[in-house]
Amino acid sequence: MKRKPIMIMGCTSDAGKSFLVTALCRHFANRGVQVAPFKAQNMSNNAAVTPDGLEIGRAQYVQALAARVTPQARMNPILLKPSADTMSQVIVMGVFDPKITHTPWMERKAFLWPIVRDALHGLLDDYDQVVIEGAGSPAEVNLRHAELVNMRIALECQADVYLAADIDRGGAFAHLLGTWMCLAPEEQALVRGFVLNKFRGDQKLLGNAMEWLQERTGIPTVAIIPYLRHHLPEEDTLHHRSVFQPESINIALLAYPYASNLDEFDALVHEPGVNVVPLREVASLRDYHAILLPGSKNTAESLRYLRQTGLAAQVVRAAERGTMVFGVCGGMQMLGGQIADPDNLEGGDIAGLGLLDVTTTLMPHKITRQREVTCAEGGVVRGYEIHHGATQAGARARPHLGEELGWQEGNVCGVYLHGALENTHYRQRFLQRLGWQAQSTDWSSVVDAEIDRVAELVVSSGWVL
């Protein structure tokens, strides 16, 4: 039976929209409803590859898993991947589109709206329930004429809109009232309820604030969602914080500008006795057990940042001392001797750190595909590729992953395969080499259990859907 679309919007970025959509997708799936997620346009360098080799935002990929359906490009038809302060690569229906990428922001809507609309209606036709995520805030009146992800979507499909505020930040009632007041009358008419997200403490402290808000808007507060620390991947921001802990296996994660797919290290973050420390500024790496160089949407700029801050020199010294250094995709390219850029995709040729005997040539064509390859140390490793570069190994680099997806030189290892450390046996071996003595668990099972946990939390808030 077809149900009216539900749309979650936020008063601000990071209000918990992705979290709520994930929870609702699992809630409906658990009730036997054929449900699908949708976000018209996402800005994030955390991306995933669908089984048919198309690229979408990580949040929509996880939401599809929550809905127990196959992730599809039409669930996130437009993905913006920041590669400079004023430039984002534009992925359209899962494929990099250079023409749209170089089209001025305010002129894109005419090209993109028909694509977004077709994707939305395709899901509405094929599923009984579609749960839609907005972006940022619908109150950005300066962007109203060019927006295609918030109220334009809600009006197109006449969705039931729920407006969420992060009450942990403070000012939630002002955010809700102010956002509602910025909407046009026909948009206000679609709002069915307010959601207070990330609430800590005694609900009695809220007093009659919900009644005060309803008197001014006519909109009830339908749910108060408790604050929950969870293991779900972050949509686009690295929230994880930590410092060096002497009793743990300490792993430095270099969080340079344009770092991508940082969520693939979540499985390490949540292992007992393992402490992953994001580093943005120069610090001594002497006492760390390992160093991670993640992918990057602008490898050359990230590498320049490492040199400017002094982190590059620290990585080289640590590698010379025998510390394990592990690079993924762009991080692997940085470890090599040279990154050639004949098409000036990232500002020209640049020398790598010289720790791994590989050279990379950046190419306009982008490779995106799921992969399953053998590891030189044994077993099959599953993951996905998202990269522009073609890499060749020299004599000193020995194969680490099959099909030219990874190489190793002593204590330095680089792979093109995103998600390698999400494989239980591969992560186990990685940590054992660092002296870890516990047992890894299946990360996909952990994530699935977390989805069930957040769905139960949201349903228990009393939200009637």
Protein backbone atom coordinates (compact mmCIF):
# COMPACT_ATOMS: atom_id res chain seq x y z
CA MET A 1 0.00 0.00 0.00
CA LYS A 2 1.38 3.39 -1.04
CA ARG A 3 2.13 5.76 1.82
CA LYS A 4 2.68 9.47 1.82
CA PRO A 5 6.38 10.39 1.62
CA ILE A 6 8.02 11.45 4.88
CA MET A 7 10.69 14.14 4.81
CA ILE A 8 13.15 15.02 7.57
CA MET A 9 14.54 18.54 7.49
CA GLY A 10 16.83 20.23 9.98
CA CYS A 11 17.13 23.70 11.42
CA THR A 12 20.89 23.41 10.96
CA SER A 13 23.49 21.11 9.53
CA ASP A 14 24.26 18.19 11.83
CA ALA A 15 20.80 18.30 13.42
CA GLY A 16 20.59 14.53 13.01
CA LYS A 17 18.69 14.21 9.73
CA SER A 18 20.70 11.25 8.45
CA PHE A 19 20.38 9.52 11.82
CA LEU A 20 16.59 9.96 11.84
CA VAL A 21 16.13 8.81 8.24
CA THR A 22 18.23 5.72 8.96
CA ALA A 23 16.12 4.93 12.00
CA LEU A 24 12.84 5.41 10.12
CA CYS A 25 13.97 3.25 7.20
CA ARG A 26 14.70 0.37 9.57
CA HIS A 27 11.44 1.00 11.47
CA PHE A 28 9.36 0.65 8.32
CA ALA A 29 11.42 -2.30 7.04
CA ASN A 30 10.83 -4.09 10.34
CA ARG A 31 7.09 -3.63 9.80
CA GLY A 32 7.30 -5.26 6.37
CA VAL A 33 6.95 -2.01 4.42
CA GLN A 34 8.88 -1.67 1.15
CA VAL A 35 10.81 1.49 1.98
CA ALA A 36 13.59 3.47 0.29
CA PRO A 37 15.67 6.51 1.31
CA PHE A 38 16.17 9.59 -0.84
CA LYS A 39 18.33 12.69 -0.69
CA ALA A 40 18.29 14.86 -3.77
CA GLN A 41 21.69 16.44 -3.23
CA ASN A 42 24.37 15.61 -0.73
CA MET A 43 27.69 17.36 -0.08
CA SER A 44 30.18 14.92 1.35
CA ASN A 45 33.54 13.31 0.70
CA ASN A 46 32.30 10.18 2.44
CA ALA A 47 31.04 8.18 -0.50
CA ALA A 48 30.17 4.58 -1.29
CA VAL A 49 29.92 2.50 -4.45
CA THR A 50 26.74 0.64 -5.31
CA PRO A 51 26.82 -2.96 -6.60
CA ASP A 52 26.47 -1.63 -10.15
CA GLY A 53 29.53 0.62 -9.78
CA LEU A 54 27.86 3.98 -9.14
CA GLU A 55 28.83 6.51 -6.48
CA ILE A 56 26.48 7.84 -3.80
CA GLY A 57 26.79 9.47 -0.39
CA ARG A 58 27.72 7.14 2.46
CA ALA A 59 24.63 8.18 4.44
CA GLN A 60 22.24 7.08 1.69
CA TYR A 61 24.14 3.82 1.30
CA VAL A 62 23.68 3.08 5.00
CA GLN A 63 20.03 4.16 4.84
CA ALA A 64 19.46 1.66 2.03
CA LEU A 65 20.99 -1.05 4.20
CA ALA A 66 18.66 0.08 7.00
CA ALA A 67 15.74 -0.30 4.59
CA ARG A 68 17.08 -3.73 3.60
CA VAL A 69 17.17 -2.78 -0.09
CA THR A 70 19.98 -2.57 -2.62
CA PRO A 71 21.70 0.85 -2.63
CA GLN A 72 20.99 2.71 -5.88
CA ALA A 73 22.21 5.93 -7.48
CA ARG A 74 18.69 7.36 -7.65
CA MET A 75 18.61 7.41 -3.84
CA ASN A 76 21.20 10.22 -4.04
CA PRO A 77 21.10 11.52 -7.61
CA ILE A 78 23.44 14.48 -6.94
CA LEU A 79 26.60 14.16 -4.85
CA LEU A 80 28.93 17.12 -4.36
CA LYS A 81 32.49 16.24 -3.32
CA PRO A 82 34.50 19.29 -2.14
CA SER A 83 37.96 19.42 -3.73
CA ALA A 84 38.86 23.07 -3.02
CA ASP A 85 37.47 26.00 -1.04
CA THR A 86 35.24 27.03 -3.95
CA MET A 87 35.08 23.84 -6.02
CA SER A 88 33.22 20.55 -5.69
CA GLN A 89 33.24 17.61 -8.04
CA VAL A 90 29.65 16.88 -9.11
CA ILE A 91 28.49 13.28 -9.30
CA VAL A 92 25.24 12.90 -11.26
CA MET A 93 23.35 9.62 -10.95
CA GLY A 94 26.50 7.99 -9.68
CA VAL A 95 28.89 9.25 -12.38
CA PHE A 96 31.31 12.20 -12.36
CA ASP A 97 29.98 14.96 -14.63
CA PRO A 98 32.78 17.40 -15.64
CA LYS A 99 30.39 19.72 -17.51
CA ILE A 100 28.12 20.28 -14.50
CA THR A 101 31.18 20.51 -12.25
CA HIS A 102 32.34 23.57 -14.17
CA THR A 103 28.86 25.12 -14.44
CA PRO A 104 28.32 28.05 -12.01
CA TRP A 105 26.34 27.07 -8.90
CA MET A 106 23.31 29.23 -9.60
CA GLU A 107 23.00 27.92 -13.17
CA ARG A 108 22.95 24.22 -12.29
CA LYS A 109 19.34 23.91 -11.24
CA ALA A 110 17.99 23.94 -14.79
CA PHE A 111 20.16 20.91 -15.63
CA LEU A 112 19.81 19.04 -12.35
CA TRP A 113 16.17 19.45 -11.37
CA PRO A 114 14.75 17.11 -14.10
CA ILE A 115 17.25 14.44 -12.99
CA VAL A 116 16.33 14.85 -9.33
CA ARG A 117 12.60 14.86 -10.07
CA ASP A 118 12.81 11.67 -12.18
CA ALA A 119 14.81 9.88 -9.49
CA LEU A 120 12.31 10.90 -6.81
CA HIS A 121 9.25 9.80 -8.77
CA GLY A 122 10.93 6.55 -9.75
CA LEU A 123 11.35 5.65 -6.09
CA LEU A 124 7.79 6.78 -5.29
CA ASP A 125 6.52 4.46 -8.02
CA ASP A 126 8.62 1.48 -6.96
CA TYR A 127 8.33 1.61 -3.16
CA ASP A 128 5.44 1.84 -0.74
CA GLN A 129 7.24 4.35 1.49
CA VAL A 130 9.99 6.84 0.71
CA VAL A 131 11.81 8.58 3.55
CA ILE A 132 13.48 11.76 2.33
CA GLU A 133 16.35 13.69 3.85
CA GLY A 134 16.81 17.41 3.40
CA ALA A 135 20.15 19.22 3.47
CA GLY A 136 21.36 21.97 5.75
CA SER A 137 18.33 24.11 6.52
CA PRO A 138 15.25 25.09 4.49
CA ALA A 139 15.58 28.58 6.01
CA GLU A 140 18.45 29.59 3.71
CA VAL A 141 16.38 32.25 1.95
CA ASN A 142 19.40 33.45 -0.03
CA LEU A 143 19.54 30.08 -1.80
CA ARG A 144 15.80 29.55 -2.26
CA HIS A 145 15.74 30.25 -5.99
CA ALA A 146 18.46 27.67 -6.67
CA GLU A 147 17.64 24.96 -4.11
CA LEU A 148 16.50 21.51 -5.15
CA VAL A 149 16.89 19.47 -1.97
CA ASN A 150 14.55 20.89 0.69
CA MET A 151 11.12 22.47 0.17
CA ARG A 152 11.29 22.10 -3.59
CA ILE A 153 11.29 18.35 -3.04
CA ALA A 154 8.61 18.47 -0.35
CA LEU A 155 6.29 20.46 -2.59
CA GLU A 156 6.97 18.19 -5.56
CA CYS A 157 5.75 15.09 -3.74
CA GLN A 158 3.58 16.74 -1.05
CA ALA A 159 5.61 15.06 1.69
CA ASP A 160 4.80 15.11 5.38
CA VAL A 161 7.65 17.26 6.69
CA TYR A 162 9.20 16.91 10.15
CA LEU A 163 11.60 19.64 11.25
CA ALA A 164 14.39 18.54 13.59
CA ALA A 165 16.51 20.64 15.93
CA ASP A 166 19.66 19.65 17.81
CA ILE A 167 18.63 20.59 21.34
CA ASP A 168 22.07 19.66 22.66
CA ARG A 169 23.44 22.79 20.96
CA GLY A 170 20.98 25.07 22.71
CA GLY A 171 18.49 27.48 21.18
CA ALA A 172 16.35 24.69 19.75
CA PHE A 173 13.01 26.46 20.16
CA ALA A 174 14.32 29.61 18.54
CA HIS A 175 15.71 27.49 15.70
CA LEU A 176 12.38 25.75 15.16
CA LEU A 177 10.30 28.90 15.32
CA GLY A 178 12.71 30.89 13.16
CA THR A 179 12.99 28.19 10.53
CA TRP A 180 9.22 27.77 10.34
CA MET A 181 8.78 31.54 9.98
CA CYS A 182 11.20 31.59 7.03
CA LEU A 183 8.98 29.19 5.08
CA ALA A 184 6.34 30.29 2.59
CA PRO A 185 2.70 29.57 3.58
CA GLU A 186 2.42 26.59 1.22
CA GLU A 187 5.62 25.20 2.73
CA GLN A 188 4.47 25.73 6.31
CA ALA A 189 1.34 23.76 5.45
CA LEU A 190 3.46 20.65 4.84
CA VAL A 191 5.09 20.67 8.28
CA ARG A 192 3.47 17.97 10.43
CA GLY A 193 5.68 18.10 13.49
CA PHE A 194 8.79 19.27 15.27
CA VAL A 195 11.45 16.87 16.55
CA LEU A 196 13.81 17.66 19.42
CA ASN A 197 16.90 15.56 18.77
CA LYS A 198 19.90 14.72 21.01
CA PHE A 199 18.13 15.53 24.28
CA ARG A 200 20.00 14.90 27.54
CA GLY A 201 18.53 14.96 31.03
CA ASP A 202 15.06 15.21 32.51
CA GLN A 203 12.27 16.09 30.07
CA LYS A 204 10.52 17.96 32.89
CA LEU A 205 13.10 20.70 32.37
CA LEU A 206 11.44 21.48 29.03
CA GLY A 207 8.44 22.86 30.93
CA ASN A 208 5.71 24.20 28.65
CA ALA A 209 8.12 25.13 25.83
CA MET A 210 6.43 22.75 23.38
CA GLU A 211 3.03 24.31 24.08
CA TRP A 212 4.57 27.78 23.65
CA LEU A 213 5.93 26.73 20.27
CA GLN A 214 2.65 25.17 19.15
CA GLU A 215 0.68 28.29 20.10
CA ARG A 216 2.84 30.31 17.70
CA THR A 217 3.00 27.83 14.82
CA GLY A 218 0.13 25.38 15.19
CA ILE A 219 2.72 22.60 14.91
CA PRO A 220 3.07 19.96 17.66
CA THR A 221 6.35 18.55 18.92
CA VAL A 222 5.97 14.90 17.98
CA ALA A 223 9.17 13.40 19.36
CA ILE A 224 11.92 14.04 21.85
CA ILE A 225 14.86 11.81 20.87
CA PRO A 226 17.41 11.09 23.62
CA TYR A 227 21.08 11.73 22.94
CA LEU A 228 22.69 8.49 21.82
CA ARG A 229 26.32 7.65 21.18
CA HIS A 230 26.26 5.26 18.25
CA HIS A 231 28.55 3.49 15.81
CA LEU A 232 26.83 4.55 12.58
CA PRO A 233 29.05 6.16 9.93
CA GLU A 234 29.15 9.95 9.90
CA GLU A 235 27.63 11.58 6.84
CA ASP A 236 30.32 14.16 6.14
CA THR A 237 32.11 15.28 9.31
CA LEU A 238 34.71 13.62 11.49
CA HIS A 239 33.21 13.88 14.98
CA HIS A 240 35.59 11.38 16.55
CA ARG A 241 38.02 12.98 18.99
CA SER A 242 40.75 11.32 21.02
CA VAL A 243 44.22 11.87 22.47
CA PHE A 244 47.16 9.54 22.95
CA GLN A 245 46.46 6.88 25.59
CA PRO A 246 49.57 5.08 26.90
CA GLU A 247 47.74 1.82 27.71
CA SER A 248 46.18 1.44 24.23
CA ILE A 249 47.20 0.54 20.72
CA ASN A 250 47.51 4.12 19.42
CA ILE A 251 46.94 4.78 15.73
CA ALA A 252 47.39 8.25 14.23
CA LEU A 253 44.82 9.21 11.58
CA LEU A 254 46.03 12.15 9.50
CA ALA A 255 42.91 14.30 9.04
CA TYR A 256 44.22 16.59 6.33
CA PRO A 257 41.98 18.87 4.21
CA TYR A 258 39.80 17.03 1.68
CA ALA A 259 40.27 13.71 3.46
CA SER A 260 37.63 11.29 2.21
CA ASN A 261 35.86 8.15 3.35
CA LEU A 262 37.06 8.52 6.93
CA ASP A 263 34.17 6.31 8.02
CA GLU A 264 36.05 3.26 6.71
CA PHE A 265 38.22 3.45 9.83
CA ASP A 266 35.22 3.21 12.17
CA ALA A 267 35.83 -0.50 12.62
CA LEU A 268 39.23 0.36 14.11
CA VAL A 269 37.83 3.20 16.22
CA HIS A 270 35.41 0.86 17.98
CA GLU A 271 37.76 -2.05 18.64
CA PRO A 272 38.47 -2.49 22.38
CA GLY A 273 41.93 -1.33 23.37
CA VAL A 274 42.48 0.52 20.09
CA ASN A 275 42.76 4.31 20.15
CA VAL A 276 42.51 6.14 16.82
CA VAL A 277 43.74 9.74 17.19
CA PRO A 278 42.83 12.21 14.42
CA LEU A 279 45.71 14.64 13.85
CA ARG A 280 45.28 17.93 11.99
CA GLU A 281 48.40 19.70 13.23
CA VAL A 282 52.03 18.70 13.58
CA ALA A 283 52.71 16.31 16.43
CA SER A 284 55.35 13.76 17.29
CA LEU A 285 54.47 10.34 15.91
CA ARG A 286 57.25 8.58 17.82
CA ASP A 287 55.06 6.57 20.19
CA TYR A 288 52.26 5.63 17.80
CA HIS A 289 51.91 2.02 16.75
CA ALA A 290 50.67 2.91 13.25
CA ILE A 291 49.85 5.88 11.01
CA LEU A 292 46.86 6.04 8.65
CA LEU A 293 46.76 8.20 5.53
CA PRO A 294 43.15 8.21 4.29
CA GLY A 295 41.86 8.96 0.83
CA SER A 296 41.62 12.52 -0.40
CA LYS A 297 39.45 14.40 -2.88
CA ASN A 298 42.50 16.55 -3.66
CA THR A 299 45.57 14.43 -3.06
CA ALA A 300 48.08 17.11 -4.08
CA GLU A 301 46.57 19.73 -1.77
CA SER A 302 46.41 17.28 1.13
CA LEU A 303 50.07 16.41 0.53
CA ARG A 304 51.02 20.08 0.48
CA TYR A 305 49.25 20.47 3.81
CA LEU A 306 51.28 17.64 5.31
CA ARG A 307 54.49 19.35 4.21
CA GLN A 308 53.42 22.82 5.34
CA THR A 309 52.47 21.61 8.81
CA GLY A 310 55.51 19.42 9.28
CA LEU A 311 53.45 16.24 9.48
CA ALA A 312 55.08 14.88 6.32
CA ALA A 313 58.50 14.94 7.96
CA GLN A 314 57.07 13.24 11.03
CA VAL A 315 55.59 10.45 8.89
CA VAL A 316 58.90 9.88 7.11
CA ARG A 317 60.82 9.74 10.39
CA ALA A 318 58.26 7.35 11.88
CA ALA A 319 58.49 5.06 8.84
CA GLU A 320 62.28 5.06 9.09
CA ARG A 321 61.94 3.96 12.74
CA GLY A 322 59.81 1.02 11.65
CA THR A 323 56.33 2.34 12.49
CA MET A 324 53.62 0.85 10.31
CA VAL A 325 52.31 3.35 7.75
CA PHE A 326 49.10 2.48 5.91
CA GLY A 327 47.70 4.59 3.06
CA VAL A 328 44.36 4.20 1.32
CA CYS A 329 43.75 5.48 -2.22
CA GLY A 330 44.97 9.10 -2.18
CA GLY A 331 46.91 8.28 0.96
CA MET A 332 48.63 5.45 -0.90
CA GLN A 333 49.44 7.81 -3.79
CA MET A 334 51.07 10.25 -1.33
CA LEU A 335 53.35 7.49 -0.04
CA GLY A 336 54.82 6.96 -3.52
CA GLY A 337 57.66 8.68 -5.27
CA GLN A 338 55.76 10.83 -7.76
CA ILE A 339 52.20 11.89 -8.65
CA ALA A 340 52.04 12.96 -12.29
CA ASP A 341 49.19 15.27 -13.30
CA PRO A 342 49.30 15.68 -17.10
CA ASP A 343 45.78 17.12 -17.29
CA ASN A 344 46.33 19.56 -14.40
CA LEU A 345 43.49 17.99 -12.41
CA GLU A 346 45.11 18.94 -9.10
CA GLY A 347 47.55 21.70 -10.02
CA GLY A 348 50.36 19.77 -11.67
CA ASP A 349 52.96 17.15 -10.82
CA ILE A 350 54.04 16.73 -7.21
CA ALA A 351 56.61 14.58 -5.46
CA GLY A 352 55.32 12.02 -2.97
CA LEU A 353 56.79 11.06 0.38
CA GLY A 354 59.03 8.44 -1.19
CA LEU A 355 58.15 5.68 1.26
CA LEU A 356 56.61 3.24 -1.22
CA ASP A 357 58.12 2.39 -4.61
CA VAL A 358 55.08 3.33 -6.69
CA THR A 359 54.27 6.18 -9.09
CA THR A 360 50.81 7.48 -9.92
CA THR A 361 49.39 9.29 -12.94
CA LEU A 362 46.12 11.18 -12.38
CA MET A 363 43.60 10.66 -15.18
CA PRO A 364 40.26 12.35 -16.02
CA HIS A 365 38.41 9.01 -16.08
CA LYS A 366 37.15 7.98 -12.66
CA ILE A 367 37.06 4.36 -11.54
CA THR A 368 34.20 3.38 -9.22
CA ARG A 369 33.47 -0.28 -8.55
CA GLN A 370 33.08 -2.84 -5.81
CA ARG A 371 35.92 -5.34 -5.65
CA GLU A 372 36.83 -8.70 -4.15
CA VAL A 373 40.53 -9.58 -4.32
CA THR A 374 43.01 -11.88 -2.68
CA CYS A 375 45.54 -10.68 -0.12
CA ALA A 376 49.17 -11.79 -0.27
CA GLU A 377 48.90 -12.67 3.41
CA GLY A 378 45.91 -14.91 2.76
CA GLY A 379 42.15 -14.63 2.35
CA VAL A 380 39.78 -12.55 0.28
CA VAL A 381 39.35 -8.83 0.93
CA ARG A 382 36.19 -6.98 -0.12
CA GLY A 383 35.84 -3.24 -0.65
CA TYR A 384 35.43 -0.62 -3.34
CA GLU A 385 37.47 1.68 -5.59
CA ILE A 386 36.89 5.41 -6.07
CA HIS A 387 39.86 7.08 -7.77
CA HIS A 388 41.22 8.96 -10.78
CA GLY A 389 44.78 7.66 -10.58
CA ALA A 390 46.59 4.77 -12.26
CA THR A 391 49.50 3.47 -10.18
CA GLN A 392 52.51 1.39 -11.20
CA ALA A 393 54.84 -0.38 -8.82
CA GLY A 394 58.61 -0.38 -8.95
CA ALA A 395 60.96 -3.23 -8.11
CA ARG A 396 60.97 -2.66 -4.35
CA ALA A 397 57.18 -2.71 -3.88
CA ARG A 398 55.81 -6.21 -3.55
CA PRO A 399 52.13 -7.03 -4.19
CA HIS A 400 49.88 -6.83 -1.15
CA LEU A 401 46.42 -7.04 -2.74
CA GLY A 402 45.65 -8.74 -6.02
CA GLU A 403 44.81 -7.05 -9.34
CA GLU A 404 47.23 -4.17 -8.65
CA LEU A 405 45.15 -2.82 -5.78
CA GLY A 406 47.82 -2.78 -3.10
CA TRP A 407 51.57 -2.87 -2.49
CA GLN A 408 53.89 -3.14 0.47
CA GLU A 409 57.49 -2.17 1.14
CA GLY A 410 58.61 -3.26 4.57
CA ASN A 411 56.48 -1.49 7.18
CA VAL A 412 54.80 0.77 4.58
CA CYS A 413 51.63 -0.43 2.84
CA GLY A 414 49.28 1.27 0.38
CA VAL A 415 45.98 0.07 -1.09
CA TYR A 416 43.40 1.38 -3.53
CA LEU A 417 40.71 -0.70 -1.85
CA HIS A 418 38.50 1.42 0.40
CA GLY A 419 36.96 -0.59 3.21
CA ALA A 420 39.78 -3.12 3.49
CA LEU A 421 39.97 -2.63 7.26
CA GLU A 422 36.25 -3.37 7.56
CA ASN A 423 37.08 -7.00 6.68
CA THR A 424 37.31 -8.90 9.96
CA HIS A 425 40.30 -11.14 9.18
CA TYR A 426 42.23 -8.35 7.48
CA ARG A 427 41.70 -5.98 10.43
CA GLN A 428 42.64 -8.76 12.84
CA ARG A 429 46.00 -9.28 11.13
CA PHE A 430 46.62 -5.53 10.92
CA LEU A 431 46.07 -5.08 14.66
CA GLN A 432 47.96 -8.21 15.66
CA ARG A 433 51.05 -6.84 13.93
CA LEU A 434 50.73 -3.85 16.28
CA GLY A 435 50.64 -6.09 19.36
CA TRP A 436 46.86 -6.22 19.82
CA GLN A 437 45.66 -9.44 21.43
CA ALA A 438 41.85 -9.22 21.30
CA GLN A 439 39.46 -10.68 18.72
CA SER A 440 37.83 -8.63 15.95
CA THR A 441 34.09 -8.85 15.37
CA ASP A 442 32.19 -8.66 12.10
CA TRP A 443 31.78 -4.93 11.44
CA SER A 444 28.75 -5.27 9.16
CA SER A 445 26.93 -7.07 11.98
CA VAL A 446 27.88 -4.30 14.39
CA VAL A 447 26.47 -1.65 12.04
CA ASP A 448 23.28 -3.63 11.47
CA ALA A 449 22.75 -4.00 15.22
CA GLU A 450 23.33 -0.26 15.63
CA ILE A 451 20.67 0.47 13.03
CA ASP A 452 18.21 -1.65 14.99
CA ARG A 453 19.21 0.16 18.18
CA VAL A 454 18.63 3.66 16.78
CA ALA A 455 15.34 2.57 15.22
CA GLU A 456 14.13 1.26 18.57
CA LEU A 457 15.19 4.51 20.25
CA VAL A 458 13.29 6.70 17.80
CA VAL A 459 10.14 4.55 17.94
CA SER A 460 10.22 4.50 21.74
CA SER A 461 10.12 8.31 21.77
CA GLY A 462 6.39 8.10 21.03
CA TRP A 463 6.62 9.36 17.47
CA VAL A 464 3.51 8.02 15.72
CA LEU A 465 4.17 7.28 12.03
